[in-house]
PDB file of N, CA and C in Angstrom:
ATOM      1  N   MET A   1     119.264 134.136  50.807  1.00  0.00           N
ATOM      2  CA  MET A   1     118.591 133.275  49.848  1.00  0.00           C
ATOM      3  C   MET A   1     117.113 133.484  50.007  1.00  0.00           C
ATOM      4  N   SER A   2     116.401 133.742  48.950  1.00  0.00           N
ATOM      5  CA  SER A   2     114.991 133.966  49.005  1.00  0.00           C
ATOM      6  C   SER A   2     114.291 132.701  48.648  1.00  0.00           C
ATOM      7  N   THR A   3     113.154 132.526  49.195  1.00  0.00           N
ATOM      8  CA  THR A   3     112.316 131.333  48.678  1.00  0.00           C
ATOM      9  C   THR A   3     111.148 131.879  47.924  1.00  0.00           C
ATOM     10  N   THR A   4     110.838 131.305  46.780  1.00  0.00           N
ATOM     11  CA  THR A   4     109.683 131.743  45.993  1.00  0.00           C
ATOM     12  C   THR A   4     108.669 130.596  46.006  1.00  0.00           C
ATOM     13  N   ARG A   5     107.473 131.081  46.001  1.00  0.00           N
ATOM     14  CA  ARG A   5     106.296 130.054  46.010  1.00  0.00           C
ATOM     15  C   ARG A   5     105.992 129.834  44.503  1.00  0.00           C
ATOM     16  N   LYS A   6     105.699 128.540  44.378  1.00  0.00           N
ATOM     17  CA  LYS A   6     105.263 128.142  43.073  1.00  0.00           C
ATOM     18  C   LYS A   6     103.725 128.100  43.032  1.00  0.00           C
ATOM     19  N   TYR A   7     103.050 128.970  42.216  1.00  0.00           N
ATOM     20  CA  TYR A   7     101.667 128.961  42.199  1.00  0.00           C
ATOM     21  C   TYR A   7     101.094 128.114  41.075  1.00  0.00           C
ATOM     22  N   VAL A   8     100.100 127.375  41.384  1.00  0.00           N
ATOM     23  CA  VAL A   8      99.510 126.500  40.335  1.00  0.00           C
ATOM     24  C   VAL A   8      98.223 127.097  40.017  1.00  0.00           C
ATOM     25  N   ARG A   9      97.950 127.309  38.720  1.00  0.00           N
ATOM     26  CA  ARG A   9      96.745 127.951  38.334  1.00  0.00           C
ATOM     27  C   ARG A   9      95.715 126.784  38.064  1.00  0.00           C
ATOM     28  N   ARG A  10      94.562 126.817  38.755  1.00  0.00           N
ATOM     29  CA  ARG A  10      93.607 125.759  38.580  1.00  0.00           C
ATOM     30  C   ARG A  10      92.381 126.268  37.855  1.00  0.00           C
ATOM     31  N   SER A  11      91.771 125.272  37.232  1.00  0.00           N
ATOM     32  CA  SER A  11      90.610 125.641  36.398  1.00  0.00           C
ATOM     33  C   SER A  11      89.397 125.743  37.377  1.00  0.00           C
ATOM     34  N   ARG A  12      88.290 126.227  36.871  1.00  0.00           N
ATOM     35  CA  ARG A  12      87.056 126.195  37.623  1.00  0.00           C
ATOM     36  C   ARG A  12      86.640 124.806  37.992  1.00  0.00           C
ATOM     37  N   GLN A  13      86.767 123.975  37.065  1.00  0.00           N
ATOM     38  CA  GLN A  13      86.392 122.515  37.227  1.00  0.00           C
ATOM     39  C   GLN A  13      87.266 121.883  38.376  1.00  0.00           C
ATOM     40  N   GLN A  14      88.573 122.143  38.384  1.00  0.00           N
ATOM     41  CA  GLN A  14      89.477 121.719  39.425  1.00  0.00           C
ATOM     42  C   GLN A  14      89.084 122.177  40.797  1.00  0.00           C
ATOM     43  N   TRP A  15      88.695 123.508  40.834  1.00  0.00           N
ATOM     44  CA  TRP A  15      88.295 123.996  42.127  1.00  0.00           C
ATOM     45  C   TRP A  15      86.928 123.270  42.538  1.00  0.00           C
ATOM     46  N   GLU A  16      85.989 123.041  41.638  1.00  0.00           N
ATOM     47  CA  GLU A  16      84.753 122.427  41.995  1.00  0.00           C
ATOM     48  C   GLU A  16      85.025 121.038  42.580  1.00  0.00           C
ATOM     49  N   GLU A  17      86.005 120.332  41.985  1.00  0.00           N
ATOM     50  CA  GLU A  17      86.371 119.055  42.413  1.00  0.00           C
ATOM     51  C   GLU A  17      86.980 119.058  43.878  1.00  0.00           C
ATOM     52  N   LEU A  18      87.822 119.903  44.059  1.00  0.00           N
ATOM     53  CA  LEU A  18      88.478 120.166  45.376  1.00  0.00           C
ATOM     54  C   LEU A  18      87.410 120.453  46.438  1.00  0.00           C
ATOM     55  N   ILE A  19      86.515 121.371  46.123  1.00  0.00           N
ATOM     56  CA  ILE A  19      85.480 121.798  47.063  1.00  0.00           C
ATOM     57  C   ILE A  19      84.525 120.681  47.315  1.00  0.00           C
ATOM     58  N   GLU A  20      84.247 119.883  46.438  1.00  0.00           N
ATOM     59  CA  GLU A  20      83.397 118.623  46.591  1.00  0.00           C
ATOM     60  C   GLU A  20      84.081 117.623  47.453  1.00  0.00           C
ATOM     61  N   LEU A  21      85.384 117.437  47.282  1.00  0.00           N
ATOM     62  CA  LEU A  21      86.095 116.456  48.035  1.00  0.00           C
ATOM     63  C   LEU A  21      86.322 116.710  49.509  1.00  0.00           C
ATOM     64  N   GLN A  22      86.378 118.008  49.815  1.00  0.00           N
ATOM     65  CA  GLN A  22      86.719 118.453  51.221  1.00  0.00           C
ATOM     66  C   GLN A  22      85.879 117.847  52.286  1.00  0.00           C
ATOM     67  N   PRO A  23      84.504 117.915  52.183  1.00  0.00           N
ATOM     68  CA  PRO A  23      83.696 117.424  53.311  1.00  0.00           C
ATOM     69  C   PRO A  23      83.867 115.896  53.498  1.00  0.00           C
ATOM     70  N   GLY A  24      84.014 115.136  52.495  1.00  0.00           N
ATOM     71  CA  GLY A  24      84.274 113.747  52.627  1.00  0.00           C
ATOM     72  C   GLY A  24      85.630 113.306  53.097  1.00  0.00           C
ATOM     73  N   SER A  25      86.521 114.205  53.070  1.00  0.00           N
ATOM     74  CA  SER A  25      87.968 113.915  53.451  1.00  0.00           C
ATOM     75  C   SER A  25      88.114 113.729  54.942  1.00  0.00           C
ATOM     76  N   GLY A  26      87.187 114.212  55.772  1.00  0.00           N
ATOM     77  CA  GLY A  26      87.226 113.999  57.243  1.00  0.00           C
ATOM     78  C   GLY A  26      88.251 115.057  57.820  1.00  0.00           C
ATOM     79  N   LEU A  27      88.729 115.956  56.988  1.00  0.00           N
ATOM     80  CA  LEU A  27      89.707 116.972  57.427  1.00  0.00           C
ATOM     81  C   LEU A  27      89.007 118.332  57.527  1.00  0.00           C
ATOM     82  N   SER A  28      89.562 119.138  58.371  1.00  0.00           N
ATOM     83  CA  SER A  28      89.057 120.545  58.415  1.00  0.00           C
ATOM     84  C   SER A  28      89.513 121.176  57.050  1.00  0.00           C
ATOM     85  N   ILE A  29      88.935 122.345  56.793  1.00  0.00           N
ATOM     86  CA  ILE A  29      89.281 123.015  55.555  1.00  0.00           C
ATOM     87  C   ILE A  29      90.773 123.354  55.562  1.00  0.00           C
ATOM     88  N   SER A  30      91.262 123.882  56.632  1.00  0.00           N
ATOM     89  CA  SER A  30      92.673 124.210  56.806  1.00  0.00           C
ATOM     90  C   SER A  30      93.536 123.033  56.524  1.00  0.00           C
ATOM     91  N   GLN A  31      93.290 121.888  57.153  1.00  0.00           N
ATOM     92  CA  GLN A  31      94.063 120.669  57.002  1.00  0.00           C
ATOM     93  C   GLN A  31      93.962 120.112  55.561  1.00  0.00           C
ATOM     94  N   PHE A  32      92.746 120.191  54.996  1.00  0.00           N
ATOM     95  CA  PHE A  32      92.606 119.836  53.574  1.00  0.00           C
ATOM     96  C   PHE A  32      93.449 120.615  52.632  1.00  0.00           C
ATOM     97  N   CYS A  33      93.429 121.901  52.871  1.00  0.00           N
ATOM     98  CA  CYS A  33      94.207 122.820  51.924  1.00  0.00           C
ATOM     99  C   CYS A  33      95.686 122.510  52.084  1.00  0.00           C
ATOM    100  N   LYS A  34      96.184 122.251  53.256  1.00  0.00           N
ATOM    101  CA  LYS A  34      97.593 121.952  53.439  1.00  0.00           C
ATOM    102  C   LYS A  34      97.919 120.653  52.684  1.00  0.00           C
ATOM    103  N   GLN A  35      97.016 119.573  52.810  1.00  0.00           N
ATOM    104  CA  GLN A  35      97.265 118.375  52.214  1.00  0.00           C
ATOM    105  C   GLN A  35      97.207 118.429  50.691  1.00  0.00           C
ATOM    106  N   ALA A  36      96.201 119.304  50.173  1.00  0.00           N
ATOM    107  CA  ALA A  36      96.076 119.382  48.761  1.00  0.00           C
ATOM    108  C   ALA A  36      97.003 120.378  48.125  1.00  0.00           C
ATOM    109  N   GLY A  37      97.743 121.100  49.002  1.00  0.00           N
ATOM    110  CA  GLY A  37      98.659 122.091  48.440  1.00  0.00           C
ATOM    111  C   GLY A  37      97.957 123.377  47.871  1.00  0.00           C
ATOM    112  N   VAL A  38      96.922 123.746  48.428  1.00  0.00           N
ATOM    113  CA  VAL A  38      96.161 124.908  47.926  1.00  0.00           C
ATOM    114  C   VAL A  38      96.054 125.967  49.122  1.00  0.00           C
ATOM    115  N   SER A  39      95.998 127.200  48.737  1.00  0.00           N
ATOM    116  CA  SER A  39      95.820 128.291  49.676  1.00  0.00           C
ATOM    117  C   SER A  39      94.490 128.231  50.219  1.00  0.00           C
ATOM    118  N   TYR A  40      94.537 128.405  51.564  1.00  0.00           N
ATOM    119  CA  TYR A  40      93.317 128.395  52.368  1.00  0.00           C
ATOM    120  C   TYR A  40      92.357 129.477  51.873  1.00  0.00           C
ATOM    121  N   GLN A  41      92.961 130.730  51.592  1.00  0.00           N
ATOM    122  CA  GLN A  41      92.173 131.881  51.150  1.00  0.00           C
ATOM    123  C   GLN A  41      91.599 131.684  49.840  1.00  0.00           C
ATOM    124  N   SER A  42      92.369 131.098  48.958  1.00  0.00           N
ATOM    125  CA  SER A  42      91.848 130.815  47.564  1.00  0.00           C
ATOM    126  C   SER A  42      90.715 129.710  47.628  1.00  0.00           C
ATOM    127  N   PHE A  43      90.807 128.755  48.524  1.00  0.00           N
ATOM    128  CA  PHE A  43      89.846 127.717  48.631  1.00  0.00           C
ATOM    129  C   PHE A  43      88.521 128.392  49.105  1.00  0.00           C
ATOM    130  N   GLN A  44      88.663 129.276  50.032  1.00  0.00           N
ATOM    131  CA  GLN A  44      87.453 129.965  50.582  1.00  0.00           C
ATOM    132  C   GLN A  44      86.799 130.918  49.580  1.00  0.00           C
ATOM    133  N   ASN A  45      87.685 131.663  48.814  1.00  0.00           N
ATOM    134  CA  ASN A  45      87.147 132.490  47.709  1.00  0.00           C
ATOM    135  C   ASN A  45      86.353 131.680  46.657  1.00  0.00           C
ATOM    136  N   TRP A  46      87.008 130.587  46.264  1.00  0.00           N
ATOM    137  CA  TRP A  46      86.355 129.817  45.228  1.00  0.00           C
ATOM    138  C   TRP A  46      85.040 129.117  45.782  1.00  0.00           C
ATOM    139  N   ARG A  47      85.079 128.666  47.039  1.00  0.00           N
ATOM    140  CA  ARG A  47      83.880 128.100  47.634  1.00  0.00           C
ATOM    141  C   ARG A  47      82.710 129.128  47.664  1.00  0.00           C
ATOM    142  N   LYS A  48      83.041 130.343  47.973  1.00  0.00           N
ATOM    143  CA  LYS A  48      81.963 131.367  47.920  1.00  0.00           C
ATOM    144  C   LYS A  48      81.516 131.660  46.507  1.00  0.00           C
ATOM    145  N   LYS A  49      82.399 131.694  45.660  1.00  0.00           N
ATOM    146  CA  LYS A  49      82.115 131.986  44.255  1.00  0.00           C
ATOM    147  C   LYS A  49      81.275 130.857  43.637  1.00  0.00           C
ATOM    148  N   LEU A  50      81.518 129.643  43.950  1.00  0.00           N
ATOM    149  CA  LEU A  50      80.792 128.520  43.433  1.00  0.00           C
ATOM    150  C   LEU A  50      79.527 128.176  44.231  1.00  0.00           C
ATOM    151  N   GLU A  51      79.387 128.644  45.449  1.00  0.00           N
ATOM    152  CA  GLU A  51      78.213 128.300  46.168  1.00  0.00           C
ATOM    153  C   GLU A  51      76.938 128.561  45.623  1.00  0.00           C
ATOM    154  N   PRO A  52      76.675 129.689  44.950  1.00  0.00           N
ATOM    155  CA  PRO A  52      75.394 129.894  44.281  1.00  0.00           C
ATOM    156  C   PRO A  52      75.043 128.860  43.275  1.00  0.00           C
ATOM    157  N   GLN A  53      76.028 128.320  42.649  1.00  0.00           N
ATOM    158  CA  GLN A  53      75.730 127.281  41.569  1.00  0.00           C
ATOM    159  C   GLN A  53      75.304 125.987  42.194  1.00  0.00           C
ATOM    160  N   VAL A  54      75.746 125.715  43.417  1.00  0.00           N
ATOM    161  CA  VAL A  54      75.350 124.436  44.066  1.00  0.00           C
ATOM    162  C   VAL A  54      73.898 124.551  44.374  1.00  0.00           C
ATOM    163  N   HIS A  55      73.430 125.690  44.860  1.00  0.00           N
ATOM    164  CA  HIS A  55      72.023 125.763  45.109  1.00  0.00           C
ATOM    165  C   HIS A  55      71.135 125.890  43.886  1.00  0.00           C
ATOM    166  N   LYS A  56      71.636 126.316  42.750  1.00  0.00           N
ATOM    167  CA  LYS A  56      70.851 126.263  41.536  1.00  0.00           C
ATOM    168  C   LYS A  56      70.570 124.887  40.991  1.00  0.00           C
ATOM    169  N   THR A  57      71.315 123.900  41.416  1.00  0.00           N
ATOM    170  CA  THR A  57      71.053 122.535  40.973  1.00  0.00           C
ATOM    171  C   THR A  57      69.752 121.950  41.562  1.00  0.00           C
ATOM    172  N   ALA A  58      69.325 122.482  42.762  1.00  0.00           N
ATOM    173  CA  ALA A  58      68.064 122.129  43.340  1.00  0.00           C
ATOM    174  C   ALA A  58      66.953 122.735  42.615  1.00  0.00           C
ATOM    175  N   SER A  59      65.725 122.266  42.863  1.00  0.00           N
ATOM    176  CA  SER A  59      64.605 122.909  42.254  1.00  0.00           C
ATOM    177  C   SER A  59      64.606 124.450  42.500  1.00  0.00           C
ATOM    178  N   ALA A  60      64.231 125.166  41.545  1.00  0.00           N
ATOM    179  CA  ALA A  60      64.196 126.682  41.653  1.00  0.00           C
ATOM    180  C   ALA A  60      63.324 127.155  42.912  1.00  0.00           C
ATOM    181  N   SER A  61      62.167 126.418  42.986  1.00  0.00           N
ATOM    182  CA  SER A  61      61.219 126.863  44.049  1.00  0.00           C
ATOM    183  C   SER A  61      61.509 126.176  45.378  1.00  0.00           C
ATOM    184  N   GLY A  62      62.316 125.104  45.337  1.00  0.00           N
ATOM    185  CA  GLY A  62      62.654 124.475  46.607  1.00  0.00           C
ATOM    186  C   GLY A  62      61.553 123.386  46.925  1.00  0.00           C
ATOM    187  N   PHE A  63      60.665 123.195  46.063  1.00  0.00           N
ATOM    188  CA  PHE A  63      59.575 122.205  46.261  1.00  0.00           C
ATOM    189  C   PHE A  63      59.906 120.911  45.332  1.00  0.00           C
ATOM    190  N   ILE A  64      59.365 119.788  45.797  1.00  0.00           N
ATOM    191  CA  ILE A  64      59.405 118.584  45.011  1.00  0.00           C
ATOM    192  C   ILE A  64      57.999 118.117  44.868  1.00  0.00           C
ATOM    193  N   GLU A  65      57.568 117.789  43.693  1.00  0.00           N
ATOM    194  CA  GLU A  65      56.235 117.316  43.421  1.00  0.00           C
ATOM    195  C   GLU A  65      56.120 115.863  43.820  1.00  0.00           C
ATOM    196  N   LEU A  66      55.137 115.612  44.631  1.00  0.00           N
ATOM    197  CA  LEU A  66      54.821 114.240  45.061  1.00  0.00           C
ATOM    198  C   LEU A  66      53.508 113.821  44.423  1.00  0.00           C
ATOM    199  N   THR A  67      53.381 112.616  44.011  1.00  0.00           N
ATOM    200  CA  THR A  67      52.117 112.084  43.508  1.00  0.00           C
ATOM    201  C   THR A  67      51.694 110.909  44.406  1.00  0.00           C
ATOM    202  N   ALA A  68      50.361 110.715  44.413  1.00  0.00           N
ATOM    203  CA  ALA A  68      49.822 109.593  45.231  1.00  0.00           C
ATOM    204  C   ALA A  68      50.307 108.335  44.598  1.00  0.00           C
ATOM    205  N   PRO A  69      50.585 107.257  45.440  1.00  0.00           N
ATOM    206  CA  PRO A  69      50.970 105.992  44.977  1.00  0.00           C
ATOM    207  C   PRO A  69      49.866 105.335  44.106  1.00  0.00           C
ATOM    208  N   SER A  70      50.293 104.453  43.223  1.00  0.00           N
ATOM    209  CA  SER A  70      49.293 103.801  42.438  1.00  0.00           C
ATOM    210  C   SER A  70      48.372 102.926  43.366  1.00  0.00           C
ATOM    211  N   SER A  71      47.183 102.599  42.923  1.00  0.00           N
ATOM    212  CA  SER A  71      46.312 101.893  43.860  1.00  0.00           C
ATOM    213  C   SER A  71      46.796 100.558  44.194  1.00  0.00           C
ATOM    214  N   SER A  72      47.540  99.879  43.388  1.00  0.00           N
ATOM    215  CA  SER A  72      48.070  98.586  43.701  1.00  0.00           C
ATOM    216  C   SER A  72      49.096  98.698  44.848  1.00  0.00           C
ATOM    217  N   VAL A  73      49.949  99.715  44.873  1.00  0.00           N
ATOM    218  CA  VAL A  73      50.819  99.965  45.914  1.00  0.00           C
ATOM    219  C   VAL A  73      50.141 100.340  47.161  1.00  0.00           C
ATOM    220  N   ALA A  74      49.239 101.178  47.081  1.00  0.00           N
ATOM    221  CA  ALA A  74      48.372 101.573  48.284  1.00  0.00           C
ATOM    222  C   ALA A  74      47.619 100.433  48.843  1.00  0.00           C
ATOM    223  N   ASP A  75      47.101  99.635  48.065  1.00  0.00           N
ATOM    224  CA  ASP A  75      46.323  98.407  48.588  1.00  0.00           C
ATOM    225  C   ASP A  75      47.300  97.468  49.267  1.00  0.00           C
ATOM    226  N   ALA A  76      48.486  97.238  48.847  1.00  0.00           N
ATOM    227  CA  ALA A  76      49.416  96.446  49.338  1.00  0.00           C
ATOM    228  C   ALA A  76      49.879  96.907  50.684  1.00  0.00           C
ATOM    229  N   GLN A  77      49.968  98.203  50.879  1.00  0.00           N
ATOM    230  CA  GLN A  77      50.512  98.809  52.154  1.00  0.00           C
ATOM    231  C   GLN A  77      49.462  98.873  53.235  1.00  0.00           C
ATOM    232  N   THR A  78      48.181  99.097  52.843  1.00  0.00           N
ATOM    233  CA  THR A  78      47.129  99.314  53.824  1.00  0.00           C
ATOM    234  C   THR A  78      46.046  98.258  53.858  1.00  0.00           C
ATOM    235  N   ASP A  79      46.067  97.458  52.868  1.00  0.00           N
ATOM    236  CA  ASP A  79      44.981  96.353  52.782  1.00  0.00           C
ATOM    237  C   ASP A  79      43.572  96.983  52.625  1.00  0.00           C
ATOM    238  N   LYS A  80      43.460  98.278  52.245  1.00  0.00           N
ATOM    239  CA  LYS A  80      42.300  98.880  52.009  1.00  0.00           C
ATOM    240  C   LYS A  80      42.274  99.661  50.655  1.00  0.00           C
ATOM    241  N   PRO A  81      41.488  99.334  49.754  1.00  0.00           N
ATOM    242  CA  PRO A  81      41.490 100.038  48.456  1.00  0.00           C
ATOM    243  C   PRO A  81      41.332 101.541  48.570  1.00  0.00           C
ATOM    244  N   GLY A  82      42.124 102.391  47.890  1.00  0.00           N
ATOM    245  CA  GLY A  82      41.964 103.798  47.971  1.00  0.00           C
ATOM    246  C   GLY A  82      42.615 104.498  49.174  1.00  0.00           C
ATOM    247  N   HIS A  83      43.133 103.764  50.033  1.00  0.00           N
ATOM    248  CA  HIS A  83      43.728 104.376  51.265  1.00  0.00           C
ATOM    249  C   HIS A  83      45.278 104.383  51.053  1.00  0.00           C
ATOM    250  N   TRP A  84      45.912 105.433  51.562  1.00  0.00           N
ATOM    251  CA  TRP A  84      47.374 105.422  51.572  1.00  0.00           C
ATOM    252  C   TRP A  84      47.884 106.403  52.671  1.00  0.00           C
ATOM    253  N   LEU A  85      49.152 106.091  52.978  1.00  0.00           N
ATOM    254  CA  LEU A  85      49.759 106.905  54.075  1.00  0.00           C
ATOM    255  C   LEU A  85      51.188 107.275  53.620  1.00  0.00           C
ATOM    256  N   ILE A  86      51.551 108.500  53.660  1.00  0.00           N
ATOM    257  CA  ILE A  86      52.895 108.970  53.309  1.00  0.00           C
ATOM    258  C   ILE A  86      53.519 109.611  54.598  1.00  0.00           C
ATOM    259  N   GLU A  87      54.694 109.165  54.833  1.00  0.00           N
ATOM    260  CA  GLU A  87      55.448 109.614  56.013  1.00  0.00           C
ATOM    261  C   GLU A  87      56.793 110.235  55.558  1.00  0.00           C
ATOM    262  N   LEU A  88      57.067 111.433  55.905  1.00  0.00           N
ATOM    263  CA  LEU A  88      58.267 112.146  55.632  1.00  0.00           C
ATOM    264  C   LEU A  88      59.073 112.354  56.958  1.00  0.00           C
ATOM    265  N   ASP A  89      60.310 111.915  56.976  1.00  0.00           N
ATOM    266  CA  ASP A  89      61.078 112.152  58.134  1.00  0.00           C
ATOM    267  C   ASP A  89      61.944 113.472  57.846  1.00  0.00           C
ATOM    268  N   LEU A  90      61.624 114.541  58.566  1.00  0.00           N
ATOM    269  CA  LEU A  90      62.205 115.855  58.296  1.00  0.00           C
ATOM    270  C   LEU A  90      63.519 116.033  59.082  1.00  0.00           C
ATOM    271  N   GLY A  91      63.860 115.137  59.851  1.00  0.00           N
ATOM    272  CA  GLY A  91      65.066 115.311  60.683  1.00  0.00           C
ATOM    273  C   GLY A  91      64.701 115.923  62.018  1.00  0.00           C
ATOM    274  N   ASP A  92      65.698 115.812  62.964  1.00  0.00           N
ATOM    275  CA  ASP A  92      65.506 116.359  64.290  1.00  0.00           C
ATOM    276  C   ASP A  92      64.214 115.944  64.965  1.00  0.00           C
ATOM    277  N   GLY A  93      63.813 114.653  64.657  1.00  0.00           N
ATOM    278  CA  GLY A  93      62.690 114.127  65.254  1.00  0.00           C
ATOM    279  C   GLY A  93      61.326 114.540  64.714  1.00  0.00           C
ATOM    280  N   LEU A  94      61.330 115.321  63.650  1.00  0.00           N
ATOM    281  CA  LEU A  94      60.120 115.814  63.061  1.00  0.00           C
ATOM    282  C   LEU A  94      59.651 114.793  61.950  1.00  0.00           C
ATOM    283  N   GLN A  95      58.376 114.511  61.923  1.00  0.00           N
ATOM    284  CA  GLN A  95      57.775 113.660  60.900  1.00  0.00           C
ATOM    285  C   GLN A  95      56.525 114.306  60.433  1.00  0.00           C
ATOM    286  N   LEU A  96      56.386 114.228  59.107  1.00  0.00           N
ATOM    287  CA  LEU A  96      55.070 114.634  58.599  1.00  0.00           C
ATOM    288  C   LEU A  96      54.313 113.412  57.997  1.00  0.00           C
ATOM    289  N   ARG A  97      53.094 113.298  58.347  1.00  0.00           N
ATOM    290  CA  ARG A  97      52.309 112.188  57.869  1.00  0.00           C
ATOM    291  C   ARG A  97      51.082 112.646  57.199  1.00  0.00           C
ATOM    292  N   ILE A  98      50.854 112.106  56.013  1.00  0.00           N
ATOM    293  CA  ILE A  98      49.724 112.492  55.168  1.00  0.00           C
ATOM    294  C   ILE A  98      48.968 111.185  54.796  1.00  0.00           C
ATOM    295  N   ALA A  99      47.747 111.152  55.135  1.00  0.00           N
ATOM    296  CA  ALA A  99      46.997 109.906  54.878  1.00  0.00           C
ATOM    297  C   ALA A  99      45.650 110.166  54.140  1.00  0.00           C
ATOM    298  N   ARG A 100      45.286 109.252  53.335  1.00  0.00           N
ATOM    299  CA  ARG A 100      44.012 109.316  52.604  1.00  0.00           C
ATOM    300  C   ARG A 100      43.287 108.061  53.125  1.00  0.00           C
ATOM    301  N   GLN A 101      41.960 108.357  53.695  1.00  0.00           N
ATOM    302  CA  GLN A 101      41.258 107.287  54.275  1.00  0.00           C
ATOM    303  C   GLN A 101      39.875 107.206  53.544  1.00  0.00           C
TER     304      GLN A 101
END
């Protein structure tokens, strides 16, 4: 008696949804694939195929334009007209501080 596998054809959108769900599932990729009933290899192939599109959603240059806060916001934060302080937490204990005095 032979057993045959039943293959389910998924659309690109369905693969995108599965790939987006995996990290939040708390499961390893292997466990997630078993639970979702998908082939581990297919999951990995689609993840590689779709990965460049994930990065295209971010700014093409990788930069975000920042503008100085309005004077009323700056005044409220520093009690000095025309002064402002911007702090960016870059992770791993790194901070970038930009001030106008």
